[in-house]
């Protein structure tokens, strides 16, 4: 599914929703490794962006986004509206990342037809 067909909005400009297929989601649970914690701790001493954690978060979001898109395609969708991310600490060092939205079938709006 193309990124342009996924939106946080309730509509997709230039398209009309012809069918709603329900909620789709991608989920992953990530942990920080001991090595990651050591490097993250060292980076935090210097201040600024802690890139090892930034990369871990971006990787988790990317994975859940891909899983959500696959789930939508399996249901026959060609777009996703109302997409959101959520994160919850399951326990110390373990974080659940969830990406979800509404799978829909859309078609281009035909102007002047």
PDB file of N, CA and C in Angstrom:
ATOM      1  N   UNK A   1       0.855  -1.178   0.000  1.00  0.00           N
ATOM      2  CA  UNK A   1       0.000   0.000   0.000  1.00  0.00           C
ATOM      3  C   UNK A   1       0.899   1.239   0.000  1.00  0.00           C
ATOM      4  N   UNK A   2       0.579   2.191  -0.863  1.00  0.00           N
ATOM      5  CA  UNK A   2       1.366   3.416  -0.946  1.00  0.00           C
ATOM      6  C   UNK A   2       1.115   4.296   0.279  1.00  0.00           C
ATOM      7  N   UNK A   3       2.185   4.954   0.751  1.00  0.00           N
ATOM      8  CA  UNK A   3       2.052   5.845   1.906  1.00  0.00           C
ATOM      9  C   UNK A   3       1.012   6.936   1.674  1.00  0.00           C
ATOM     10  N   UNK A   4       0.839   7.362   0.430  1.00  0.00           N
ATOM     11  CA  UNK A   4      -0.131   8.421   0.133  1.00  0.00           C
ATOM     12  C   UNK A   4      -1.568   7.961   0.345  1.00  0.00           C
ATOM     13  N   UNK A   5      -1.782   6.659   0.520  1.00  0.00           N
ATOM     14  CA  UNK A   5      -3.123   6.115   0.733  1.00  0.00           C
ATOM     15  C   UNK A   5      -3.398   5.837   2.209  1.00  0.00           C
ATOM     16  N   UNK A   6      -2.519   6.331   3.073  1.00  0.00           N
ATOM     17  CA  UNK A   6      -2.689   6.192   4.522  1.00  0.00           C
ATOM     18  C   UNK A   6      -2.694   7.593   5.118  1.00  0.00           C
ATOM     19  N   UNK A   7      -3.697   7.870   5.934  1.00  0.00           N
ATOM     20  CA  UNK A   7      -3.818   9.214   6.505  1.00  0.00           C
ATOM     21  C   UNK A   7      -4.336   9.166   7.939  1.00  0.00           C
ATOM     22  N   UNK A   8      -3.976  10.189   8.700  1.00  0.00           N
ATOM     23  CA  UNK A   8      -4.524  10.334  10.050  1.00  0.00           C
ATOM     24  C   UNK A   8      -5.889  11.024  10.008  1.00  0.00           C
ATOM     25  N   UNK A   9      -6.228  11.583   8.864  1.00  0.00           N
ATOM     26  CA  UNK A   9      -7.519  12.269   8.694  1.00  0.00           C
ATOM     27  C   UNK A   9      -8.647  11.250   8.536  1.00  0.00           C
ATOM     28  N   UNK A  10      -9.874  11.742   8.564  1.00  0.00           N
ATOM     29  CA  UNK A  10     -11.048  10.876   8.416  1.00  0.00           C
ATOM     30  C   UNK A  10     -11.475  10.712   6.962  1.00  0.00           C
ATOM     31  N   UNK A  11     -10.830  11.454   6.080  1.00  0.00           N
ATOM     32  CA  UNK A  11     -11.099  11.347   4.649  1.00  0.00           C
ATOM     33  C   UNK A  11      -9.771  11.379   3.905  1.00  0.00           C
ATOM     34  N   UNK A  12      -9.804  10.965   2.663  1.00  0.00           N
ATOM     35  CA  UNK A  12      -8.616  10.984   1.812  1.00  0.00           C
ATOM     36  C   UNK A  12      -8.925  11.920   0.641  1.00  0.00           C
ATOM     37  N   UNK A  13      -8.317  13.115   0.636  1.00  0.00           N
ATOM     38  CA  UNK A  13      -8.627  14.104  -0.404  1.00  0.00           C
ATOM     39  C   UNK A  13      -8.475  13.523  -1.813  1.00  0.00           C
ATOM     40  N   UNK A  14      -9.491  13.795  -2.644  1.00  0.00           N
ATOM     41  CA  UNK A  14      -9.481  13.309  -4.020  1.00  0.00           C
ATOM     42  C   UNK A  14     -10.092  11.930  -4.185  1.00  0.00           C
ATOM     43  N   UNK A  15     -10.515  11.328  -3.072  1.00  0.00           N
ATOM     44  CA  UNK A  15     -11.102   9.986  -3.103  1.00  0.00           C
ATOM     45  C   UNK A  15     -12.384   9.974  -2.298  1.00  0.00           C
ATOM     46  N   UNK A  16     -13.263   9.063  -2.659  1.00  0.00           N
ATOM     47  CA  UNK A  16     -14.457   8.857  -1.836  1.00  0.00           C
ATOM     48  C   UNK A  16     -14.434   7.421  -1.329  1.00  0.00           C
ATOM     49  N   UNK A  17     -14.875   7.259  -0.104  1.00  0.00           N
ATOM     50  CA  UNK A  17     -14.912   5.941   0.529  1.00  0.00           C
ATOM     51  C   UNK A  17     -16.134   5.195   0.012  1.00  0.00           C
ATOM     52  N   UNK A  18     -15.913   4.011  -0.555  1.00  0.00           N
ATOM     53  CA  UNK A  18     -17.026   3.218  -1.056  1.00  0.00           C
ATOM     54  C   UNK A  18     -17.358   2.050  -0.122  1.00  0.00           C
ATOM     55  N   UNK A  19     -16.398   1.699   0.743  1.00  0.00           N
ATOM     56  CA  UNK A  19     -16.654   0.616   1.696  1.00  0.00           C
ATOM     57  C   UNK A  19     -15.677   0.712   2.860  1.00  0.00           C
ATOM     58  N   UNK A  20     -16.167   0.511   4.061  1.00  0.00           N
ATOM     59  CA  UNK A  20     -15.335   0.476   5.257  1.00  0.00           C
ATOM     60  C   UNK A  20     -15.181  -0.982   5.672  1.00  0.00           C
ATOM     61  N   UNK A  21     -13.942  -1.394   5.933  1.00  0.00           N
ATOM     62  CA  UNK A  21     -13.655  -2.797   6.247  1.00  0.00           C
ATOM     63  C   UNK A  21     -13.284  -3.023   7.709  1.00  0.00           C
ATOM     64  N   UNK A  22     -13.342  -1.985   8.518  1.00  0.00           N
ATOM     65  CA  UNK A  22     -13.080  -2.127   9.942  1.00  0.00           C
ATOM     66  C   UNK A  22     -11.655  -1.787  10.340  1.00  0.00           C
ATOM     67  N   UNK A  23     -11.377  -1.992  11.607  1.00  0.00           N
ATOM     68  CA  UNK A  23     -10.091  -1.640  12.195  1.00  0.00           C
ATOM     69  C   UNK A  23      -9.021  -2.642  11.767  1.00  0.00           C
ATOM     70  N   UNK A  24      -7.859  -2.109  11.420  1.00  0.00           N
ATOM     71  CA  UNK A  24      -6.681  -2.931  11.136  1.00  0.00           C
ATOM     72  C   UNK A  24      -5.558  -2.459  12.047  1.00  0.00           C
ATOM     73  N   UNK A  25      -4.607  -3.354  12.334  1.00  0.00           N
ATOM     74  CA  UNK A  25      -3.555  -2.978  13.272  1.00  0.00           C
ATOM     75  C   UNK A  25      -2.276  -3.730  12.988  1.00  0.00           C
ATOM     76  N   UNK A  26      -1.204  -3.154  13.494  1.00  0.00           N
ATOM     77  CA  UNK A  26       0.096  -3.805  13.545  1.00  0.00           C
ATOM     78  C   UNK A  26       0.614  -3.605  14.948  1.00  0.00           C
ATOM     79  N   UNK A  27       1.233  -4.625  15.504  1.00  0.00           N
ATOM     80  CA  UNK A  27       1.713  -4.541  16.883  1.00  0.00           C
ATOM     81  C   UNK A  27       3.086  -5.187  16.987  1.00  0.00           C
ATOM     82  N   UNK A  28       3.927  -4.606  17.815  1.00  0.00           N
ATOM     83  CA  UNK A  28       5.220  -5.197  18.119  1.00  0.00           C
ATOM     84  C   UNK A  28       5.563  -4.865  19.570  1.00  0.00           C
ATOM     85  N   UNK A  29       6.341  -5.711  20.176  1.00  0.00           N
ATOM     86  CA  UNK A  29       6.839  -5.448  21.530  1.00  0.00           C
ATOM     87  C   UNK A  29       8.352  -5.434  21.431  1.00  0.00           C
ATOM     88  N   UNK A  30       8.953  -4.360  21.873  1.00  0.00           N
ATOM     89  CA  UNK A  30      10.399  -4.175  21.754  1.00  0.00           C
ATOM     90  C   UNK A  30      11.031  -4.055  23.128  1.00  0.00           C
ATOM     91  N   UNK A  31      12.276  -4.505  23.200  1.00  0.00           N
ATOM     92  CA  UNK A  31      13.055  -4.319  24.416  1.00  0.00           C
ATOM     93  C   UNK A  31      14.390  -3.692  24.053  1.00  0.00           C
ATOM     94  N   UNK A  32      14.966  -3.034  25.000  1.00  0.00           N
ATOM     95  CA  UNK A  32      16.302  -2.476  24.820  1.00  0.00           C
ATOM     96  C   UNK A  32      17.300  -3.538  25.254  1.00  0.00           C
ATOM     97  N   UNK A  33      18.356  -3.699  24.476  1.00  0.00           N
ATOM     98  CA  UNK A  33      19.391  -4.663  24.845  1.00  0.00           C
ATOM     99  C   UNK A  33      20.311  -4.049  25.902  1.00  0.00           C
ATOM    100  N   UNK A  34      21.069  -4.886  26.561  1.00  0.00           N
ATOM    101  CA  UNK A  34      22.035  -4.404  27.557  1.00  0.00           C
ATOM    102  C   UNK A  34      23.036  -3.463  26.896  1.00  0.00           C
ATOM    103  N   UNK A  35      23.513  -3.857  25.707  1.00  0.00           N
ATOM    104  CA  UNK A  35      24.465  -3.010  24.972  1.00  0.00           C
ATOM    105  C   UNK A  35      23.801  -1.679  24.622  1.00  0.00           C
ATOM    106  N   UNK A  36      22.547  -1.741  24.166  1.00  0.00           N
ATOM    107  CA  UNK A  36      21.816  -0.516  23.845  1.00  0.00           C
ATOM    108  C   UNK A  36      21.657   0.386  25.055  1.00  0.00           C
ATOM    109  N   UNK A  37      21.382  -0.204  26.207  1.00  0.00           N
ATOM    110  CA  UNK A  37      21.251   0.587  27.430  1.00  0.00           C
ATOM    111  C   UNK A  37      22.571   1.259  27.805  1.00  0.00           C
ATOM    112  N   UNK A  38      23.678   0.550  27.613  1.00  0.00           N
ATOM    113  CA  UNK A  38      24.994   1.126  27.924  1.00  0.00           C
ATOM    114  C   UNK A  38      25.285   2.311  27.009  1.00  0.00           C
ATOM    115  N   UNK A  39      25.112   2.104  25.680  1.00  0.00           N
ATOM    116  CA  UNK A  39      25.363   3.195  24.739  1.00  0.00           C
ATOM    117  C   UNK A  39      24.376   4.341  24.932  1.00  0.00           C
ATOM    118  N   UNK A  40      23.123   4.000  25.208  1.00  0.00           N
ATOM    119  CA  UNK A  40      22.122   5.038  25.469  1.00  0.00           C
ATOM    120  C   UNK A  40      22.484   5.847  26.707  1.00  0.00           C
ATOM    121  N   UNK A  41      22.949   5.157  27.737  1.00  0.00           N
ATOM    122  CA  UNK A  41      23.380   5.833  28.962  1.00  0.00           C
ATOM    123  C   UNK A  41      24.549   6.766  28.702  1.00  0.00           C
ATOM    124  N   UNK A  42      25.500   6.303  27.894  1.00  0.00           N
ATOM    125  CA  UNK A  42      26.648   7.146  27.550  1.00  0.00           C
ATOM    126  C   UNK A  42      26.212   8.368  26.750  1.00  0.00           C
ATOM    127  N   UNK A  43      25.315   8.164  25.785  1.00  0.00           N
ATOM    128  CA  UNK A  43      24.826   9.291  24.991  1.00  0.00           C
ATOM    129  C   UNK A  43      24.055  10.282  25.852  1.00  0.00           C
ATOM    130  N   UNK A  44      23.336   9.784  26.855  1.00  0.00           N
ATOM    131  CA  UNK A  44      22.547  10.689  27.691  1.00  0.00           C
ATOM    132  C   UNK A  44      23.447  11.588  28.534  1.00  0.00           C
ATOM    133  N   UNK A  45      24.666  11.136  28.818  1.00  0.00           N
ATOM    134  CA  UNK A  45      25.610  11.976  29.560  1.00  0.00           C
ATOM    135  C   UNK A  45      26.003  13.210  28.747  1.00  0.00           C
ATOM    136  N   UNK A  46      26.025  13.061  27.421  1.00  0.00           N
ATOM    137  CA  UNK A  46      26.414  14.160  26.533  1.00  0.00           C
ATOM    138  C   UNK A  46      25.246  15.078  26.206  1.00  0.00           C
ATOM    139  N   UNK A  47      24.033  14.623  26.444  1.00  0.00           N
ATOM    140  CA  UNK A  47      22.847  15.419  26.158  1.00  0.00           C
ATOM    141  C   UNK A  47      22.454  15.333  24.691  1.00  0.00           C
ATOM    142  N   UNK A  48      21.330  15.935  24.354  1.00  0.00           N
ATOM    143  CA  UNK A  48      20.862  15.941  22.978  1.00  0.00           C
ATOM    144  C   UNK A  48      20.087  14.687  22.624  1.00  0.00           C
ATOM    145  N   UNK A  49      19.981  14.453  21.322  1.00  0.00           N
ATOM    146  CA  UNK A  49      19.233  13.305  20.807  1.00  0.00           C
ATOM    147  C   UNK A  49      19.976  12.003  21.134  1.00  0.00           C
ATOM    148  N   UNK A  50      19.287  11.076  21.731  1.00  0.00           N
ATOM    149  CA  UNK A  50      19.880   9.776  22.055  1.00  0.00           C
ATOM    150  C   UNK A  50      19.531   8.846  20.895  1.00  0.00           C
ATOM    151  N   UNK A  51      20.418   8.834  19.905  1.00  0.00           N
ATOM    152  CA  UNK A  51      20.123   8.201  18.615  1.00  0.00           C
ATOM    153  C   UNK A  51      19.841   6.713  18.711  1.00  0.00           C
ATOM    154  N   UNK A  52      20.448   6.015  19.644  1.00  0.00           N
ATOM    155  CA  UNK A  52      20.200   4.567  19.739  1.00  0.00           C
ATOM    156  C   UNK A  52      18.732   4.306  20.092  1.00  0.00           C
ATOM    157  N   UNK A  53      18.147   5.151  20.946  1.00  0.00           N
ATOM    158  CA  UNK A  53      16.737   4.992  21.304  1.00  0.00           C
ATOM    159  C   UNK A  53      15.824   5.537  20.197  1.00  0.00           C
ATOM    160  N   UNK A  54      16.254   6.617  19.556  1.00  0.00           N
ATOM    161  CA  UNK A  54      15.489   7.165  18.435  1.00  0.00           C
ATOM    162  C   UNK A  54      15.367   6.116  17.336  1.00  0.00           C
ATOM    163  N   UNK A  55      16.472   5.467  17.020  1.00  0.00           N
ATOM    164  CA  UNK A  55      16.464   4.432  15.977  1.00  0.00           C
ATOM    165  C   UNK A  55      15.585   3.254  16.373  1.00  0.00           C
ATOM    166  N   UNK A  56      15.625   2.852  17.631  1.00  0.00           N
ATOM    167  CA  UNK A  56      14.792   1.751  18.116  1.00  0.00           C
ATOM    168  C   UNK A  56      13.313   2.106  17.989  1.00  0.00           C
ATOM    169  N   UNK A  57      12.959   3.332  18.358  1.00  0.00           N
ATOM    170  CA  UNK A  57      11.561   3.771  18.258  1.00  0.00           C
ATOM    171  C   UNK A  57      11.114   3.833  16.801  1.00  0.00           C
ATOM    172  N   UNK A  58      11.964   4.380  15.940  1.00  0.00           N
ATOM    173  CA  UNK A  58      11.610   4.485  14.527  1.00  0.00           C
ATOM    174  C   UNK A  58      11.453   3.103  13.906  1.00  0.00           C
ATOM    175  N   UNK A  59      12.307   2.183  14.279  1.00  0.00           N
ATOM    176  CA  UNK A  59      12.228   0.798  13.778  1.00  0.00           C
ATOM    177  C   UNK A  59      10.908   0.152  14.208  1.00  0.00           C
ATOM    178  N   UNK A  60      10.523   0.350  15.452  1.00  0.00           N
ATOM    179  CA  UNK A  60       9.275  -0.223  15.967  1.00  0.00           C
ATOM    180  C   UNK A  60       8.070   0.383  15.244  1.00  0.00           C
ATOM    181  N   UNK A  61       8.072   1.691  15.041  1.00  0.00           N
ATOM    182  CA  UNK A  61       6.960   2.342  14.344  1.00  0.00           C
ATOM    183  C   UNK A  61       6.863   1.871  12.899  1.00  0.00           C
ATOM    184  N   UNK A  62       8.005   1.774  12.246  1.00  0.00           N
ATOM    185  CA  UNK A  62       8.035   1.325  10.851  1.00  0.00           C
ATOM    186  C   UNK A  62       7.500  -0.103  10.727  1.00  0.00           C
ATOM    187  N   UNK A  63       7.900  -0.961  11.648  1.00  0.00           N
ATOM    188  CA  UNK A  63       7.446  -2.354  11.631  1.00  0.00           C
ATOM    189  C   UNK A  63       5.935  -2.445  11.839  1.00  0.00           C
ATOM    190  N   UNK A  64       5.410  -1.711  12.807  1.00  0.00           N
ATOM    191  CA  UNK A  64       3.974  -1.787  13.079  1.00  0.00           C
ATOM    192  C   UNK A  64       3.165  -1.177  11.927  1.00  0.00           C
ATOM    193  N   UNK A  65       3.691  -0.123  11.314  1.00  0.00           N
ATOM    194  CA  UNK A  65       3.034   0.500  10.160  1.00  0.00           C
ATOM    195  C   UNK A  65       2.930  -0.508   9.011  1.00  0.00           C
ATOM    196  N   UNK A  66       4.024  -1.198   8.733  1.00  0.00           N
ATOM    197  CA  UNK A  66       4.027  -2.218   7.668  1.00  0.00           C
ATOM    198  C   UNK A  66       3.041  -3.336   7.964  1.00  0.00           C
ATOM    199  N   UNK A  67       3.006  -3.786   9.212  1.00  0.00           N
ATOM    200  CA  UNK A  67       2.077  -4.845   9.602  1.00  0.00           C
ATOM    201  C   UNK A  67       0.626  -4.388   9.443  1.00  0.00           C
ATOM    202  N   UNK A  68       0.345  -3.140   9.805  1.00  0.00           N
ATOM    203  CA  UNK A  68      -1.007  -2.607   9.649  1.00  0.00           C
ATOM    204  C   UNK A  68      -1.399  -2.568   8.172  1.00  0.00           C
ATOM    205  N   UNK A  69      -0.492  -2.112   7.321  1.00  0.00           N
ATOM    206  CA  UNK A  69      -0.777  -2.039   5.878  1.00  0.00           C
ATOM    207  C   UNK A  69      -1.030  -3.429   5.304  1.00  0.00           C
ATOM    208  N   UNK A  70      -0.248  -4.415   5.731  1.00  0.00           N
ATOM    209  CA  UNK A  70      -0.458  -5.798   5.270  1.00  0.00           C
ATOM    210  C   UNK A  70      -1.822  -6.310   5.715  1.00  0.00           C
ATOM    211  N   UNK A  71      -2.186  -6.008   6.963  1.00  0.00           N
ATOM    212  CA  UNK A  71      -3.480  -6.428   7.492  1.00  0.00           C
ATOM    213  C   UNK A  71      -4.609  -5.822   6.650  1.00  0.00           C
ATOM    214  N   UNK A  72      -4.469  -4.549   6.292  1.00  0.00           N
ATOM    215  CA  UNK A  72      -5.478  -3.873   5.478  1.00  0.00           C
ATOM    216  C   UNK A  72      -5.581  -4.506   4.087  1.00  0.00           C
ATOM    217  N   UNK A  73      -4.454  -4.790   3.475  1.00  0.00           N
ATOM    218  CA  UNK A  73      -4.461  -5.397   2.142  1.00  0.00           C
ATOM    219  C   UNK A  73      -5.084  -6.787   2.183  1.00  0.00           C
ATOM    220  N   UNK A  74      -4.831  -7.541   3.250  1.00  0.00           N
ATOM    221  CA  UNK A  74      -5.434  -8.868   3.397  1.00  0.00           C
ATOM    222  C   UNK A  74      -6.956  -8.776   3.463  1.00  0.00           C
ATOM    223  N   UNK A  75      -7.464  -7.670   3.965  1.00  0.00           N
ATOM    224  CA  UNK A  75      -8.912  -7.485   4.065  1.00  0.00           C
ATOM    225  C   UNK A  75      -9.503  -6.881   2.797  1.00  0.00           C
ATOM    226  N   UNK A  76      -8.638  -6.559   1.822  1.00  0.00           N
ATOM    227  CA  UNK A  76      -9.121  -6.024   0.553  1.00  0.00           C
ATOM    228  C   UNK A  76      -9.141  -4.514   0.460  1.00  0.00           C
ATOM    229  N   UNK A  77      -8.494  -3.831   1.389  1.00  0.00           N
ATOM    230  CA  UNK A  77      -8.480  -2.368   1.401  1.00  0.00           C
ATOM    231  C   UNK A  77      -7.431  -1.819   0.434  1.00  0.00           C
ATOM    232  N   UNK A  78      -7.676  -0.612  -0.047  1.00  0.00           N
ATOM    233  CA  UNK A  78      -6.660   0.087  -0.827  1.00  0.00           C
ATOM    234  C   UNK A  78      -6.265   1.402  -0.165  1.00  0.00           C
ATOM    235  N   UNK A  79      -6.802   1.644   1.068  1.00  0.00           N
ATOM    236  CA  UNK A  79      -6.450   2.845   1.829  1.00  0.00           C
ATOM    237  C   UNK A  79      -6.739   2.620   3.310  1.00  0.00           C
ATOM    238  N   UNK A  80      -6.143   3.481   4.133  1.00  0.00           N
ATOM    239  CA  UNK A  80      -6.376   3.455   5.577  1.00  0.00           C
ATOM    240  C   UNK A  80      -6.594   4.889   6.023  1.00  0.00           C
ATOM    241  N   UNK A  81      -7.674   5.109   6.772  1.00  0.00           N
ATOM    242  CA  UNK A  81      -7.942   6.431   7.329  1.00  0.00           C
ATOM    243  C   UNK A  81      -7.860   6.355   8.849  1.00  0.00           C
ATOM    244  N   UNK A  82      -7.775   7.505   9.493  1.00  0.00           N
ATOM    245  CA  UNK A  82      -7.759   7.617  10.960  1.00  0.00           C
ATOM    246  C   UNK A  82      -6.629   6.802  11.593  1.00  0.00           C
ATOM    247  N   UNK A  83      -5.453   6.797  10.961  1.00  0.00           N
ATOM    248  CA  UNK A  83      -4.312   6.038  11.457  1.00  0.00           C
ATOM    249  C   UNK A  83      -3.708   6.719  12.689  1.00  0.00           C
ATOM    250  N   UNK A  84      -3.348   5.907  13.679  1.00  0.00           N
ATOM    251  CA  UNK A  84      -2.719   6.403  14.915  1.00  0.00           C
ATOM    252  C   UNK A  84      -1.640   5.432  15.380  1.00  0.00           C
ATOM    253  N   UNK A  85      -0.738   5.953  16.176  1.00  0.00           N
ATOM    254  CA  UNK A  85       0.241   5.131  16.893  1.00  0.00           C
ATOM    255  C   UNK A  85      -0.083   5.209  18.376  1.00  0.00           C
ATOM    256  N   UNK A  86       0.235   4.144  19.084  1.00  0.00           N
ATOM    257  CA  UNK A  86       0.080   4.099  20.529  1.00  0.00           C
ATOM    258  C   UNK A  86       1.252   3.310  21.082  1.00  0.00           C
ATOM    259  N   UNK A  87       1.721   3.654  22.246  1.00  0.00           N
ATOM    260  CA  UNK A  87       2.808   2.906  22.883  1.00  0.00           C
ATOM    261  C   UNK A  87       2.492   2.749  24.359  1.00  0.00           C
ATOM    262  N   UNK A  88       2.766   1.565  24.869  1.00  0.00           N
ATOM    263  CA  UNK A  88       2.513   1.253  26.266  1.00  0.00           C
ATOM    264  C   UNK A  88       3.695   0.482  26.820  1.00  0.00           C
ATOM    265  N   UNK A  89       4.130   0.855  27.999  1.00  0.00           N
ATOM    266  CA  UNK A  89       5.196   0.094  28.641  1.00  0.00           C
ATOM    267  C   UNK A  89       4.567  -1.145  29.272  1.00  0.00           C
ATOM    268  N   UNK A  90       4.947  -2.316  28.761  1.00  0.00           N
ATOM    269  CA  UNK A  90       4.407  -3.586  29.256  1.00  0.00           C
ATOM    270  C   UNK A  90       5.014  -3.895  30.614  1.00  0.00           C
ATOM    271  N   UNK A  91       6.323  -3.712  30.712  1.00  0.00           N
ATOM    272  CA  UNK A  91       7.074  -3.838  31.954  1.00  0.00           C
ATOM    273  C   UNK A  91       8.377  -3.089  31.755  1.00  0.00           C
ATOM    274  N   UNK A  92       9.169  -2.940  32.771  1.00  0.00           N
ATOM    275  CA  UNK A  92      10.418  -2.179  32.653  1.00  0.00           C
ATOM    276  C   UNK A  92      11.252  -2.717  31.496  1.00  0.00           C
ATOM    277  N   UNK A  93      11.523  -1.841  30.535  1.00  0.00           N
ATOM    278  CA  UNK A  93      12.359  -2.228  29.400  1.00  0.00           C
ATOM    279  C   UNK A  93      11.626  -2.859  28.231  1.00  0.00           C
ATOM    280  N   UNK A  94      10.317  -3.137  28.371  1.00  0.00           N
ATOM    281  CA  UNK A  94       9.514  -3.717  27.286  1.00  0.00           C
ATOM    282  C   UNK A  94       8.396  -2.747  26.910  1.00  0.00           C
ATOM    283  N   UNK A  95       8.368  -2.369  25.649  1.00  0.00           N
ATOM    284  CA  UNK A  95       7.360  -1.430  25.185  1.00  0.00           C
ATOM    285  C   UNK A  95       6.577  -2.024  24.024  1.00  0.00           C
ATOM    286  N   UNK A  96       5.256  -1.949  24.130  1.00  0.00           N
ATOM    287  CA  UNK A  96       4.360  -2.363  23.052  1.00  0.00           C
ATOM    288  C   UNK A  96       4.107  -1.142  22.177  1.00  0.00           C
ATOM    289  N   UNK A  97       4.269  -1.308  20.870  1.00  0.00           N
ATOM    290  CA  UNK A  97       3.955  -0.230  19.927  1.00  0.00           C
ATOM    291  C   UNK A  97       2.834  -0.742  19.031  1.00  0.00           C
ATOM    292  N   UNK A  98       1.791   0.048  18.904  1.00  0.00           N
ATOM    293  CA  UNK A  98       0.609  -0.318  18.144  1.00  0.00           C
ATOM    294  C   UNK A  98       0.350   0.754  17.093  1.00  0.00           C
ATOM    295  N   UNK A  99       0.072   0.333  15.884  1.00  0.00           N
ATOM    296  CA  UNK A  99      -0.328   1.233  14.811  1.00  0.00           C
ATOM    297  C   UNK A  99      -1.685   0.731  14.325  1.00  0.00           C
ATOM    298  N   UNK A 100      -2.678   1.609  14.271  1.00  0.00           N
ATOM    299  CA  UNK A 100      -4.016   1.158  13.895  1.00  0.00           C
ATOM    300  C   UNK A 100      -4.753   2.230  13.112  1.00  0.00           C
ATOM    301  N   UNK A 101      -5.752   1.789  12.382  1.00  0.00           N
ATOM    302  CA  UNK A 101      -6.574   2.701  11.605  1.00  0.00           C
ATOM    303  C   UNK A 101      -7.774   1.951  11.058  1.00  0.00           C
ATOM    304  N   UNK A 102      -8.532   2.621  10.202  1.00  0.00           N
ATOM    305  CA  UNK A 102      -9.701   2.019   9.584  1.00  0.00           C
ATOM    306  C   UNK A 102      -9.389   1.690   8.129  1.00  0.00           C
ATOM    307  N   UNK A 103      -9.511   0.416   7.778  1.00  0.00           N
ATOM    308  CA  UNK A 103      -9.274  -0.025   6.396  1.00  0.00           C
ATOM    309  C   UNK A 103     -10.494   0.335   5.570  1.00  0.00           C
ATOM    310  N   UNK A 104     -10.232   0.925   4.403  1.00  0.00           N
ATOM    311  CA  UNK A 104     -11.333   1.326   3.519  1.00  0.00           C
ATOM    312  C   UNK A 104     -10.985   1.015   2.074  1.00  0.00           C
ATOM    313  N   UNK A 105     -12.045   0.940   1.261  1.00  0.00           N
ATOM    314  CA  UNK A 105     -11.888   0.878  -0.182  1.00  0.00           C
ATOM    315  C   UNK A 105     -12.307   2.250  -0.694  1.00  0.00           C
ATOM    316  N   UNK A 106     -11.416   2.862  -1.459  1.00  0.00           N
ATOM    317  CA  UNK A 106     -11.713   4.186  -2.007  1.00  0.00           C
ATOM    318  C   UNK A 106     -11.618   4.165  -3.518  1.00  0.00           C
ATOM    319  N   UNK A 107     -12.257   5.163  -4.113  1.00  0.00           N
ATOM    320  CA  UNK A 107     -12.124   5.357  -5.563  1.00  0.00           C
ATOM    321  C   UNK A 107     -11.966   6.849  -5.816  1.00  0.00           C
ATOM    322  N   UNK A 108     -11.256   7.208  -6.878  1.00  0.00           N
ATOM    323  CA  UNK A 108     -11.044   8.628  -7.157  1.00  0.00           C
ATOM    324  C   UNK A 108     -12.368   9.361  -7.383  1.00  0.00           C
ATOM    325  N   UNK A 109     -12.423  10.587  -6.918  1.00  0.00           N
ATOM    326  CA  UNK A 109     -13.587  11.435  -7.172  1.00  0.00           C
ATOM    327  C   UNK A 109     -13.475  11.916  -8.607  1.00  0.00           C
ATOM    328  N   UNK A 110     -14.544  11.751  -9.355  1.00  0.00           N
ATOM    329  CA  UNK A 110     -14.544  12.177 -10.766  1.00  0.00           C
ATOM    330  C   UNK A 110     -15.236  13.522 -10.853  1.00  0.00           C
ATOM    331  N   UNK A 111     -14.467  14.537 -11.212  1.00  0.00           N
ATOM    332  CA  UNK A 111     -15.028  15.890 -11.326  1.00  0.00           C
ATOM    333  C   UNK A 111     -15.574  16.113 -12.726  1.00  0.00           C
ATOM    334  N   UNK A 112     -16.721  16.737 -12.790  1.00  0.00           N
ATOM    335  CA  UNK A 112     -17.331  17.108 -14.057  1.00  0.00           C
ATOM    336  C   UNK A 112     -17.891  15.942 -14.855  1.00  0.00           C
ATOM    337  N   UNK A 113     -18.102  14.812 -14.188  1.00  0.00           N
ATOM    338  CA  UNK A 113     -18.646  13.658 -14.921  1.00  0.00           C
ATOM    339  C   UNK A 113     -20.141  13.607 -14.807  1.00  0.00           C
TER     340      UNK A 113
END
